[in-house]
C-alpha atoms as a PDB file:
ATOM      1  CA  MET A   1     -41.140 -60.003  43.781  1.00  0.00           C
ATOM      2  CA  SER A   2     -37.025 -60.483  42.945  1.00  0.00           C
ATOM      3  CA  ARG A   3     -37.537 -60.451  39.394  1.00  0.00           C
ATOM      4  CA  GLU A   4     -39.980 -57.094  39.335  1.00  0.00           C
ATOM      5  CA  ILE A   5     -37.198 -55.558  41.762  1.00  0.00           C
ATOM      6  CA  GLY A   6     -34.443 -57.200  38.542  1.00  0.00           C
ATOM      7  CA  ARG A   7     -36.400 -55.611  35.749  1.00  0.00           C
ATOM      8  CA  LYS A   8     -36.599 -51.922  37.571  1.00  0.00           C
ATOM      9  CA  HIS A   9     -33.100 -51.527  38.086  1.00  0.00           C
ATOM     10  CA  GLU A  10     -32.100 -53.103  34.128  1.00  0.00           C
ATOM     11  CA  SER A  11     -34.450 -50.343  32.783  1.00  0.00           C
ATOM     12  CA  GLY A  12     -32.085 -47.827  35.346  1.00  0.00           C
ATOM     13  CA  VAL A  13     -28.967 -49.293  33.845  1.00  0.00           C
ATOM     14  CA  SER A  14     -30.391 -49.011  30.058  1.00  0.00           C
ATOM     15  CA  GLU A  15     -31.246 -44.937  30.792  1.00  0.00           C
ATOM     16  CA  THR A  16     -27.698 -44.416  32.437  1.00  0.00           C
ATOM     17  CA  VAL A  17     -25.882 -46.013  29.520  1.00  0.00           C
ATOM     18  CA  GLY A  18     -28.324 -43.958  27.090  1.00  0.00           C
ATOM     19  CA  PHE A  19     -27.202 -40.847  28.285  1.00  0.00           C
ATOM     20  CA  ILE A  20     -24.050 -41.355  28.685  1.00  0.00           C
ATOM     21  CA  ILE A  21     -23.835 -42.455  24.948  1.00  0.00           C
ATOM     22  CA  ILE A  22     -25.765 -38.888  24.081  1.00  0.00           C
ATOM     23  CA  MET A  23     -23.521 -36.919  26.534  1.00  0.00           C
ATOM     24  CA  GLY A  24     -21.233 -38.282  24.576  1.00  0.00           C
ATOM     25  CA  ILE A  25     -21.592 -37.766  21.638  1.00  0.00           C
ATOM     26  CA  VAL A  26     -22.503 -34.275  22.475  1.00  0.00           C
ATOM     27  CA  LEU A  27     -19.356 -33.425  24.280  1.00  0.00           C
ATOM     28  CA  THR A  28     -17.366 -34.842  21.288  1.00  0.00           C
ATOM     29  CA  GLY A  29     -19.681 -32.122  18.843  1.00  0.00           C
ATOM     30  CA  ILE A  30     -18.540 -29.412  21.041  1.00  0.00           C
ATOM     31  CA  GLY A  31     -14.963 -30.428  20.917  1.00  0.00           C
ATOM     32  CA  LEU A  32     -14.955 -30.711  17.093  1.00  0.00           C
ATOM     33  CA  VAL A  33     -16.427 -27.316  16.478  1.00  0.00           C
ATOM     34  CA  THR A  34     -13.584 -26.330  19.876  1.00  0.00           C
ATOM     35  CA  LEU A  35     -10.307 -28.047  17.545  1.00  0.00           C
ATOM     36  CA  TYR A  36     -11.854 -27.233  14.080  1.00  0.00           C
ATOM     37  CA  GLY A  37     -14.984 -24.753  13.743  1.00  0.00           C
ATOM     38  CA  TYR A  38     -13.354 -22.185  16.128  1.00  0.00           C
ATOM     39  CA  PRO A  39     -10.106 -21.878  14.647  1.00  0.00           C
ATOM     40  CA  ALA A  40     -11.928 -21.754  11.105  1.00  0.00           C
ATOM     41  CA  LEU A  41     -14.242 -18.636  12.287  1.00  0.00           C
ATOM     42  CA  ILE A  42     -11.375 -16.086  13.788  1.00  0.00           C
ATOM     43  CA  ALA A  43      -9.438 -17.450  10.536  1.00  0.00           C
ATOM     44  CA  ALA A  44     -12.091 -16.353   8.486  1.00  0.00           C
ATOM     45  CA  GLN A  45     -13.193 -12.980  10.958  1.00  0.00           C
ATOM     46  CA  GLN A  46      -9.319 -12.418  10.212  1.00  0.00           C
ATOM     47  CA  ASN A  47      -9.700 -12.272   6.319  1.00  0.00           C
ATOM     48  CA  ALA A  48     -12.404 -10.354   6.500  1.00  0.00           C
ATOM     49  CA  ASN A  49     -11.026  -7.479   8.245  1.00  0.00           C
ATOM     50  CA  ILE A  50      -8.526  -7.162   6.032  1.00  0.00           C
ATOM     51  CA  LYS A  51     -10.626  -7.010   2.918  1.00  0.00           C
ATOM     52  CA  ASN A  52     -12.803  -4.389   4.534  1.00  0.00           C
ATOM     53  CA  MET A  53      -9.393  -2.726   5.593  1.00  0.00           C
ATOM     54  CA  GLU A  54      -7.811  -3.047   1.502  1.00  0.00           C
ATOM     55  CA  ARG A  55     -10.974  -1.228   0.192  1.00  0.00           C
ATOM     56  CA  ASN A  56     -10.205   1.419   2.857  1.00  0.00           C
ATOM     57  CA  MET A  57      -7.379   2.004   2.144  1.00  0.00           C
ATOM     58  CA  ILE A  58      -8.474   2.218  -1.450  1.00  0.00           C
ATOM     59  CA  SER A  59     -10.827   4.795  -0.123  1.00  0.00           C
ATOM     60  CA  LEU A  60      -8.361   6.966   1.047  1.00  0.00           C
ATOM     61  CA  GLN A  61      -6.550   6.716  -2.347  1.00  0.00           C
ATOM     62  CA  SER A  62      -8.910   8.243  -3.547  1.00  0.00           C
ATOM     63  CA  ASP A  63      -9.117  10.923  -1.133  1.00  0.00           C
ATOM     64  CA  PHE A  64      -5.778  11.304  -1.529  1.00  0.00           C
ATOM     65  CA  ASN A  65      -6.674  11.793  -5.380  1.00  0.00           C
ATOM     66  CA  THR A  66      -9.265  14.178  -4.577  1.00  0.00           C
ATOM     67  CA  LEU A  67      -7.147  16.592  -3.204  1.00  0.00           C
ATOM     68  CA  THR A  68      -4.064  16.276  -5.720  1.00  0.00           C
ATOM     69  CA  TYR A  69      -6.042  16.434  -8.311  1.00  0.00           C
ATOM     70  CA  LYS A  70      -8.663  18.424  -7.700  1.00  0.00           C
ATOM     71  CA  ASN A  71      -7.530  21.645  -5.905  1.00  0.00           C
ATOM     72  CA  VAL A  72      -9.690  20.584  -2.803  1.00  0.00           C
ATOM     73  CA  PRO A  73      -7.382  21.929   0.158  1.00  0.00           C
ATOM     74  CA  TYR A  74      -8.829  19.917   2.938  1.00  0.00           C
ATOM     75  CA  LYS A  75     -10.856  16.354   3.373  1.00  0.00           C
ATOM     76  CA  GLU A  76     -12.164  14.906   6.143  1.00  0.00           C
ATOM     77  CA  THR A  77     -13.441  11.085   5.807  1.00  0.00           C
ATOM     78  CA  MET A  78     -14.470   8.302   8.634  1.00  0.00           C
ATOM     79  CA  LEU A  79     -13.029   4.931   8.567  1.00  0.00           C
ATOM     80  CA  GLN A  80     -13.657   1.419  10.390  1.00  0.00           C
ATOM     81  CA  VAL A  81     -10.160   0.204  11.538  1.00  0.00           C
ATOM     82  CA  SER A  82     -11.313  -3.752  12.838  1.00  0.00           C
ATOM     83  CA  GLY A  83      -8.573  -6.414  13.329  1.00  0.00           C
ATOM     84  CA  GLY A  84      -5.324  -4.341  13.577  1.00  0.00           C
ATOM     85  CA  THR A  85      -4.070  -0.891  13.668  1.00  0.00           C
ATOM     86  CA  LEU A  86      -3.909   1.964  11.492  1.00  0.00           C
ATOM     87  CA  PHE A  87      -0.231   4.142  11.939  1.00  0.00           C
ATOM     88  CA  SER A  88       0.906   7.015  10.188  1.00  0.00           C
ATOM     89  CA  SER A  89       4.293   7.630   9.812  1.00  0.00           C
ATOM     90  CA  ASN A  90       6.100  11.081   8.557  1.00  0.00           C
ATOM     91  CA  SER A  91       8.318  10.978   5.618  1.00  0.00           C
ATOM     92  CA  SER A  92      11.501  11.549   7.798  1.00  0.00           C
ATOM     93  CA  SER A  93      10.713   8.400   9.443  1.00  0.00           C
ATOM     94  CA  THR A  94      10.353   6.223   6.985  1.00  0.00           C
ATOM     95  CA  LEU A  95      12.488   3.650   5.238  1.00  0.00           C
ATOM     96  CA  GLN A  96      11.628   3.566   1.889  1.00  0.00           C
ATOM     97  CA  ARG A  97      12.779   6.162  -0.695  1.00  0.00           C
ATOM     98  CA  PHE A  98      12.796   7.132  -4.339  1.00  0.00           C
ATOM     99  CA  LEU A  99      15.540   8.322  -6.682  1.00  0.00           C
ATOM    100  CA  ILE A 100      14.574  10.024  -9.757  1.00  0.00           C
ATOM    101  CA  THR A 101      17.928  10.360 -12.200  1.00  0.00           C
ATOM    102  CA  HIS A 102      18.343  10.820 -16.036  1.00  0.00           C
ATOM    103  CA  GLY A 103      20.279   8.256 -17.572  1.00  0.00           C
ATOM    104  CA  THR A 104      20.567   4.836 -17.038  1.00  0.00           C
ATOM    105  CA  VAL A 105      21.020   5.114 -13.011  1.00  0.00           C
ATOM    106  CA  GLY A 106      22.300   8.305 -13.279  1.00  0.00           C
ATOM    107  CA  THR A 107      21.807  11.507 -12.334  1.00  0.00           C
ATOM    108  CA  PRO A 108      19.539  12.660  -9.773  1.00  0.00           C
ATOM    109  CA  VAL A 109      16.944  15.314 -10.901  1.00  0.00           C
ATOM    110  CA  LEU A 110      15.601  16.671  -7.964  1.00  0.00           C
ATOM    111  CA  ASP A 111      17.937  19.296  -6.150  1.00  0.00           C
ATOM    112  CA  THR A 112      20.292  17.679  -3.890  1.00  0.00           C
ATOM    113  CA  GLY A 113      20.145  20.197  -1.396  1.00  0.00           C
ATOM    114  CA  LEU A 114      16.232  19.983  -0.604  1.00  0.00           C
ATOM    115  CA  PHE A 115      16.733  16.290  -1.202  1.00  0.00           C
ATOM    116  CA  THR A 116      19.917  14.735   0.626  1.00  0.00           C
ATOM    117  CA  GLY A 117      21.523  12.083  -2.331  1.00  0.00           C
ATOM    118  CA  GLY A 118      18.422  13.397  -4.240  1.00  0.00           C
ATOM    119  CA  TYR A 119      16.506  10.836  -2.597  1.00  0.00           C
ATOM    120  CA  PHE A 120      12.423  11.574  -2.228  1.00  0.00           C
ATOM    121  CA  TYR A 121      10.847  10.084   1.142  1.00  0.00           C
ATOM    122  CA  PRO A 122       7.426   9.546   0.684  1.00  0.00           C
ATOM    123  CA  GLY A 123       6.108   8.441   4.644  1.00  0.00           C
ATOM    124  CA  ASP A 124       3.481   5.950   4.753  1.00  0.00           C
ATOM    125  CA  LEU A 125      -0.122   5.335   6.207  1.00  0.00           C
ATOM    126  CA  ARG A 126       0.456   1.704   6.989  1.00  0.00           C
ATOM    127  CA  TYR A 127      -1.998  -1.084   8.351  1.00  0.00           C
ATOM    128  CA  ILE A 128      -0.821  -4.250  10.355  1.00  0.00           C
ATOM    129  CA  SER A 129      -3.390  -6.511  11.004  1.00  0.00           C
ATOM    130  CA  ASP A 130      -3.826  -8.129  14.508  1.00  0.00           C
ATOM    131  CA  GLY A 131      -1.102 -11.198  14.718  1.00  0.00           C
ATOM    132  CA  ASN A 132       0.961  -9.178  12.096  1.00  0.00           C
ATOM    133  CA  ILE A 133      -0.906 -11.422   9.347  1.00  0.00           C
ATOM    134  CA  ALA A 134      -0.980  -8.797   6.986  1.00  0.00           C
ATOM    135  CA  THR A 135       0.008  -5.264   5.821  1.00  0.00           C
ATOM    136  CA  ILE A 136      -1.615  -2.816   3.946  1.00  0.00           C
ATOM    137  CA  THR A 137       0.298   0.391   2.998  1.00  0.00           C
ATOM    138  CA  LEU A 138      -0.763   3.545   1.241  1.00  0.00           C
ATOM    139  CA  GLU A 139       2.623   4.784  -0.264  1.00  0.00           C
ATOM    140  CA  ASN A 140       3.510   7.445  -2.604  1.00  0.00           C
ATOM    141  CA  GLY A 141      -0.215   6.828  -4.201  1.00  0.00           C
ATOM    142  CA  ALA A 142      -0.200   3.354  -4.256  1.00  0.00           C
ATOM    143  CA  VAL A 143      -1.724   0.415  -2.188  1.00  0.00           C
ATOM    144  CA  ILE A 144       0.219  -2.272  -1.752  1.00  0.00           C
ATOM    145  CA  THR A 145      -0.518  -5.441   0.577  1.00  0.00           C
ATOM    146  CA  SER A 146       1.988  -8.010   1.476  1.00  0.00           C
ATOM    147  CA  TRP A 147       1.613 -11.425   3.894  1.00  0.00           C
ATOM    148  CA  ILE A 148       3.996 -11.531   6.880  1.00  0.00           C
ATOM    149  CA  SER A 149       4.836 -15.625   6.676  1.00  0.00           C
ATOM    150  CA  ASP A 150       6.332 -14.113   2.987  1.00  0.00           C
ATOM    151  CA  SER A 151       9.020 -12.234   3.439  1.00  0.00           C
ATOM    152  CA  VAL A 152       9.847 -10.948  -0.238  1.00  0.00           C
ATOM    153  CA  GLY A 153       6.120 -10.932  -1.581  1.00  0.00           C
ATOM    154  CA  SER A 154       3.828  -7.779  -1.628  1.00  0.00           C
ATOM    155  CA  SER A 155       1.487  -6.876  -4.308  1.00  0.00           C
ATOM    156  CA  MET A 156      -0.004  -3.344  -5.543  1.00  0.00           C
ATOM    157  CA  LEU A 157      -3.934  -3.519  -5.133  1.00  0.00           C
ATOM    158  CA  SER A 158      -4.295  -0.044  -6.879  1.00  0.00           C
ATOM    159  CA  GLU A 159      -1.529   2.143  -8.625  1.00  0.00           C
ATOM    160  CA  PRO A 160      -0.221   5.583  -8.407  1.00  0.00           C
ATOM    161  CA  ARG A 161      -1.019   7.855 -11.270  1.00  0.00           C
ATOM    162  CA  TRP A 162       1.860   8.245 -12.834  1.00  0.00           C
ATOM    163  CA  TYR A 163       1.616   7.288 -16.903  1.00  0.00           C
ATOM    164  CA  THR A 164       3.066   8.160 -19.854  1.00  0.00           C
ATOM    165  CA  ASP A 165       1.272  10.071 -23.264  1.00  0.00           C
ATOM    166  CA  SER A 166       2.781  10.449 -26.934  1.00  0.00           C
ATOM    167  CA  SER A 167       1.065  13.412 -28.389  1.00  0.00           C
ATOM    168  CA  ASP A 168       2.239  16.326 -31.141  1.00  0.00           C
ATOM    169  CA  LEU A 169       2.844  19.209 -28.654  1.00  0.00           C
ATOM    170  CA  ASN A 170       4.489  21.477 -31.051  1.00  0.00           C
ATOM    171  CA  GLY A 171       2.204  20.987 -33.801  1.00  0.00           C
ATOM    172  CA  ASP A 172       4.821  19.879 -36.400  1.00  0.00           C
ATOM    173  CA  GLY A 173       3.592  16.349 -37.341  1.00  0.00           C
ATOM    174  CA  VAL A 174       6.422  15.136 -34.321  1.00  0.00           C
ATOM    175  CA  LYS A 175       4.480  13.134 -31.827  1.00  0.00           C
ATOM    176  CA  GLU A 176       6.680  14.059 -28.369  1.00  0.00           C
ATOM    177  CA  LEU A 177       6.275  11.107 -25.285  1.00  0.00           C
ATOM    178  CA  THR A 178       6.003  13.053 -21.966  1.00  0.00           C
ATOM    179  CA  LEU A 179       6.092  10.737 -18.884  1.00  0.00           C
ATOM    180  CA  VAL A 180       4.179  12.064 -15.561  1.00  0.00           C
ATOM    181  CA  ILE A 181       4.858  10.941 -12.235  1.00  0.00           C
ATOM    182  CA  ASN A 182       3.132  12.838  -8.899  1.00  0.00           C
ATOM    183  CA  LEU A 183       5.551  12.049  -5.417  1.00  0.00           C
ATOM    184  CA  ILE A 184       2.924  12.422  -2.458  1.00  0.00           C
ATOM    185  CA  GLN A 185       4.962  13.154   0.967  1.00  0.00           C
ATOM    186  CA  ILE A 186       2.801  11.804   4.435  1.00  0.00           C
ATOM    187  CA  LYS A 187       3.530  14.486   6.911  1.00  0.00           C
ATOM    188  CA  SER A 188       1.914  12.588  10.014  1.00  0.00           C
ATOM    189  CA  ASP A 189       2.592  12.833  14.053  1.00  0.00           C
ATOM    190  CA  HIS A 190       3.479   9.083  14.771  1.00  0.00           C
ATOM    191  CA  GLU A 191      -0.492   8.472  15.199  1.00  0.00           C
ATOM    192  CA  SER A 192      -2.346   5.341  15.946  1.00  0.00           C
ATOM    193  CA  ARG A 193      -5.761   3.904  15.289  1.00  0.00           C
ATOM    194  CA  THR A 194      -8.257   1.402  16.018  1.00  0.00           C
ATOM    195  CA  GLY A 195     -12.194   1.297  15.719  1.00  0.00           C
ATOM    196  CA  MET A 196     -13.987   4.056  14.259  1.00  0.00           C
ATOM    197  CA  SER A 197     -11.297   6.639  13.685  1.00  0.00           C
ATOM    198  CA  ASN A 198     -12.043  10.187  11.959  1.00  0.00           C
ATOM    199  CA  ILE A 199      -8.931  10.991   9.613  1.00  0.00           C
ATOM    200  CA  ARG A 200      -8.087  14.491   8.012  1.00  0.00           C
ATOM    201  CA  LEU A 201      -6.144  15.402   5.511  1.00  0.00           C
ATOM    202  CA  GLU A 202      -4.507  18.303   4.423  1.00  0.00           C
ATOM    203  CA  ILE A 203      -2.722  19.237   1.245  1.00  0.00           C
ATOM    204  CA  SER A 204       0.100  21.677  -0.021  1.00  0.00           C
ATOM    205  CA  PRO A 205       3.059  21.412  -2.496  1.00  0.00           C
ATOM    206  CA  LEU A 206       6.562  20.338  -2.308  1.00  0.00           C
ATOM    207  CA  ASP A 207       9.001  22.387  -3.348  1.00  0.00           C
ATOM    208  CA  LEU A 208      10.406  20.471  -6.409  1.00  0.00           C
ATOM    209  CA  ASP A 209      13.927  22.918  -7.035  1.00  0.00           C
ATOM    210  CA  PRO A 210      16.172  20.680 -10.233  1.00  0.00           C
ATOM    211  CA  ALA A 211      19.471  19.659  -9.451  1.00  0.00           C
ATOM    212  CA  PRO A 212      22.171  21.896 -10.015  1.00  0.00           C
ATOM    213  CA  GLY A 213      23.139  21.271 -14.056  1.00  0.00           C
ATOM    214  CA  VAL A 214      20.085  20.183 -14.654  1.00  0.00           C
ATOM    215  CA  THR A 215      19.479  22.078 -17.865  1.00  0.00           C
ATOM    216  CA  ASN A 216      15.908  23.156 -19.753  1.00  0.00           C
ATOM    217  CA  ILE A 217      13.530  23.558 -16.318  1.00  0.00           C
ATOM    218  CA  ILE A 218      10.513  25.691 -16.438  1.00  0.00           C
ATOM    219  CA  GLN A 219       9.293  25.639 -13.060  1.00  0.00           C
ATOM    220  CA  LEU A 220       5.657  25.506 -12.359  1.00  0.00           C
ATOM    221  CA  PRO A 221       3.676  25.936  -8.893  1.00  0.00           C
ATOM    222  CA  THR A 222       3.860  22.585  -8.387  1.00  0.00           C
ATOM    223  CA  SER A 223       5.839  20.601 -10.764  1.00  0.00           C
ATOM    224  CA  GLY A 224       8.778  20.334 -12.701  1.00  0.00           C
ATOM    225  CA  LEU A 225       9.142  20.389 -16.892  1.00  0.00           C
ATOM    226  CA  PHE A 226      12.538  18.804 -17.515  1.00  0.00           C
ATOM    227  CA  SER A 227      13.624  17.438 -21.049  1.00  0.00           C
ATOM    228  CA  PRO A 228      16.668  14.957 -20.190  1.00  0.00           C
ATOM    229  CA  PRO A 229      19.287  15.381 -22.261  1.00  0.00           C
ATOM    230  CA  ASP A 230      20.142  11.688 -23.420  1.00  0.00           C
ATOM    231  CA  ASN A 231      15.953  10.683 -23.331  1.00  0.00           C
ATOM    232  CA  THR A 232      16.622   8.425 -20.763  1.00  0.00           C
ATOM    233  CA  VAL A 233      14.473   8.099 -16.870  1.00  0.00           C
ATOM    234  CA  SER A 234      15.310   6.068 -14.108  1.00  0.00           C
ATOM    235  CA  ILE A 235      13.307   5.787 -10.775  1.00  0.00           C
ATOM    236  CA  ILE A 236      14.593   3.516  -8.533  1.00  0.00           C
ATOM    237  CA  TYR A 237      12.851   2.540  -5.190  1.00  0.00           C
ATOM    238  CA  GLU A 238      14.521   1.080  -2.408  1.00  0.00           C
ATOM    239  CA  GLN A 239      13.347  -0.339   0.694  1.00  0.00           C
ATOM    240  CA  ASN A 240      15.424  -1.339   4.402  1.00  0.00           C
ATOM    241  CA  GLY A 241      13.732  -3.419   6.479  1.00  0.00           C
ATOM    242  CA  ALA A 242      11.728  -6.979   6.051  1.00  0.00           C
ATOM    243  CA  GLU A 243       8.435  -5.251   8.465  1.00  0.00           C
ATOM    244  CA  LYS A 244       7.623  -3.481   5.451  1.00  0.00           C
ATOM    245  CA  ASN A 245       8.706  -4.897   2.633  1.00  0.00           C
ATOM    246  CA  ASN A 246       6.530  -3.743  -0.506  1.00  0.00           C
ATOM    247  CA  GLN A 247       9.523  -3.842  -2.728  1.00  0.00           C
ATOM    248  CA  ARG A 248       8.077  -6.842  -4.817  1.00  0.00           C
ATOM    249  CA  ALA A 249       5.124  -4.668  -5.656  1.00  0.00           C
ATOM    250  CA  TRP A 250       7.217  -1.971  -7.069  1.00  0.00           C
ATOM    251  CA  ASP A 251       9.209  -3.903  -9.575  1.00  0.00           C
ATOM    252  CA  ASN A 252       5.829  -5.370 -10.911  1.00  0.00           C
ATOM    253  CA  PHE A 253       5.152  -1.953 -11.133  1.00  0.00           C
ATOM    254  CA  PHE A 254       8.016  -0.928 -13.155  1.00  0.00           C
ATOM    255  CA  ASN A 255       8.495  -3.607 -15.584  1.00  0.00           C
ATOM    256  CA  LYS A 256       4.623  -2.910 -16.727  1.00  0.00           C
ATOM    257  CA  ASP A 257       4.451  -2.546 -20.671  1.00  0.00           C
ATOM    258  CA  GLU A 258       3.303   0.884 -20.327  1.00  0.00           C
ATOM    259  CA  PHE A 259       7.095   2.128 -18.741  1.00  0.00           C
ATOM    260  CA  SER A 260       9.362  -0.401 -20.411  1.00  0.00           C
ATOM    261  CA  ASP A 261      10.180  -0.806 -24.001  1.00  0.00           C
ATOM    262  CA  THR A 262      13.819  -2.391 -23.197  1.00  0.00           C
ATOM    263  CA  SER A 263      13.436  -6.430 -22.319  1.00  0.00           C
ATOM    264  CA  GLY A 264      14.053  -8.139 -19.518  1.00  0.00           C
ATOM    265  CA  PRO A 265      13.166  -7.277 -15.603  1.00  0.00           C
ATOM    266  CA  ARG A 266      14.275  -4.587 -13.527  1.00  0.00           C
ATOM    267  CA  ASP A 267      14.287  -3.465  -9.545  1.00  0.00           C
ATOM    268  CA  TYR A 268      13.989   0.194 -11.054  1.00  0.00           C
ATOM    269  CA  LEU A 269      11.586   1.757 -13.991  1.00  0.00           C
ATOM    270  CA  LEU A 270      13.422   2.735 -17.309  1.00  0.00           C
ATOM    271  CA  VAL A 271      11.968   4.806 -19.983  1.00  0.00           C
ATOM    272  CA  THR A 272      13.583   5.625 -22.823  1.00  0.00           C
ATOM    273  CA  LYS A 273      13.164   8.070 -25.530  1.00  0.00           C
ATOM    274  CA  VAL A 274      11.299  10.739 -22.841  1.00  0.00           C
ATOM    275  CA  ASP A 275      11.285  14.299 -24.792  1.00  0.00           C
ATOM    276  CA  ARG A 276       9.361  15.536 -21.199  1.00  0.00           C
ATOM    277  CA  LEU A 277       9.348  14.946 -17.676  1.00  0.00           C
ATOM    278  CA  ILE A 278       6.516  16.760 -15.582  1.00  0.00           C
ATOM    279  CA  VAL A 279       7.239  15.876 -11.734  1.00  0.00           C
ATOM    280  CA  LYS A 280       4.845  17.128  -9.342  1.00  0.00           C
ATOM    281  CA  GLY A 281       5.133  16.929  -5.966  1.00  0.00           C
ATOM    282  CA  TYR A 282       2.225  17.124  -2.978  1.00  0.00           C
ATOM    283  CA  VAL A 283       2.711  17.056   0.861  1.00  0.00           C
ATOM    284  CA  ILE A 284      -0.769  15.244   2.675  1.00  0.00           C
ATOM    285  CA  ARG A 285      -0.451  16.244   6.290  1.00  0.00           C
ATOM    286  CA  VAL A 286      -2.740  13.579   7.805  1.00  0.00           C
ATOM    287  CA  TYR A 287      -4.139  14.916  11.304  1.00  0.00           C
END
């Protein structure tokens, strides 16, 4: 009788040990998933949100182009802002600015009465991801992304519509180089958006009177046509504040072969042999 009881006790111990082993395996699996899998899942979701906002900003850039180049006065669009916040900053409050001069960083082209020191302040639409991981900016017609972990790095996802054209404008067989620059200024009430957002855009012309003493100007409704006396145009981009570091992206854009015909990298755009400079200006109001 005692032997039978002993066998029953041994069976109970075996079941208990098995349960403990299985429970240990389950808890170990849960721990591994929590330790490694969950952070990886969160990182994948953050990256997906950032990629989605990159596409959204390029879509907004397309809306800007529709307003500025197709003479559409008003545009409305819906955006899904997830994993961060979309801010709209007025041109008067942003730290970045552009300076257009004729000559190698020489005389300002824009009227210093309308533009302090000849500087153009564009404003921006700026998405900041949760945790300050990445920033995506729509600035002066360009879409730029930067990672907070890299204090000096940024890249231009989509370029602004600046271009050069070499053609026979006078019919005399001599080709002349025309440089076209589009300036887009954002006006806003410093709004922030998250989730499903309705964004309304309205366009108006930007007054681009030439600087005093700049000759050979023909004023058009939304642009100025300028013949640089020294056939050289420089454009400088300046930005103060590490929280919106887009300097590297603009520097890389300025050193494109399309614009540059002199050797060596520069932190400003330099185009030589320019016969005509066309500067078009627009104000886009963001509601």
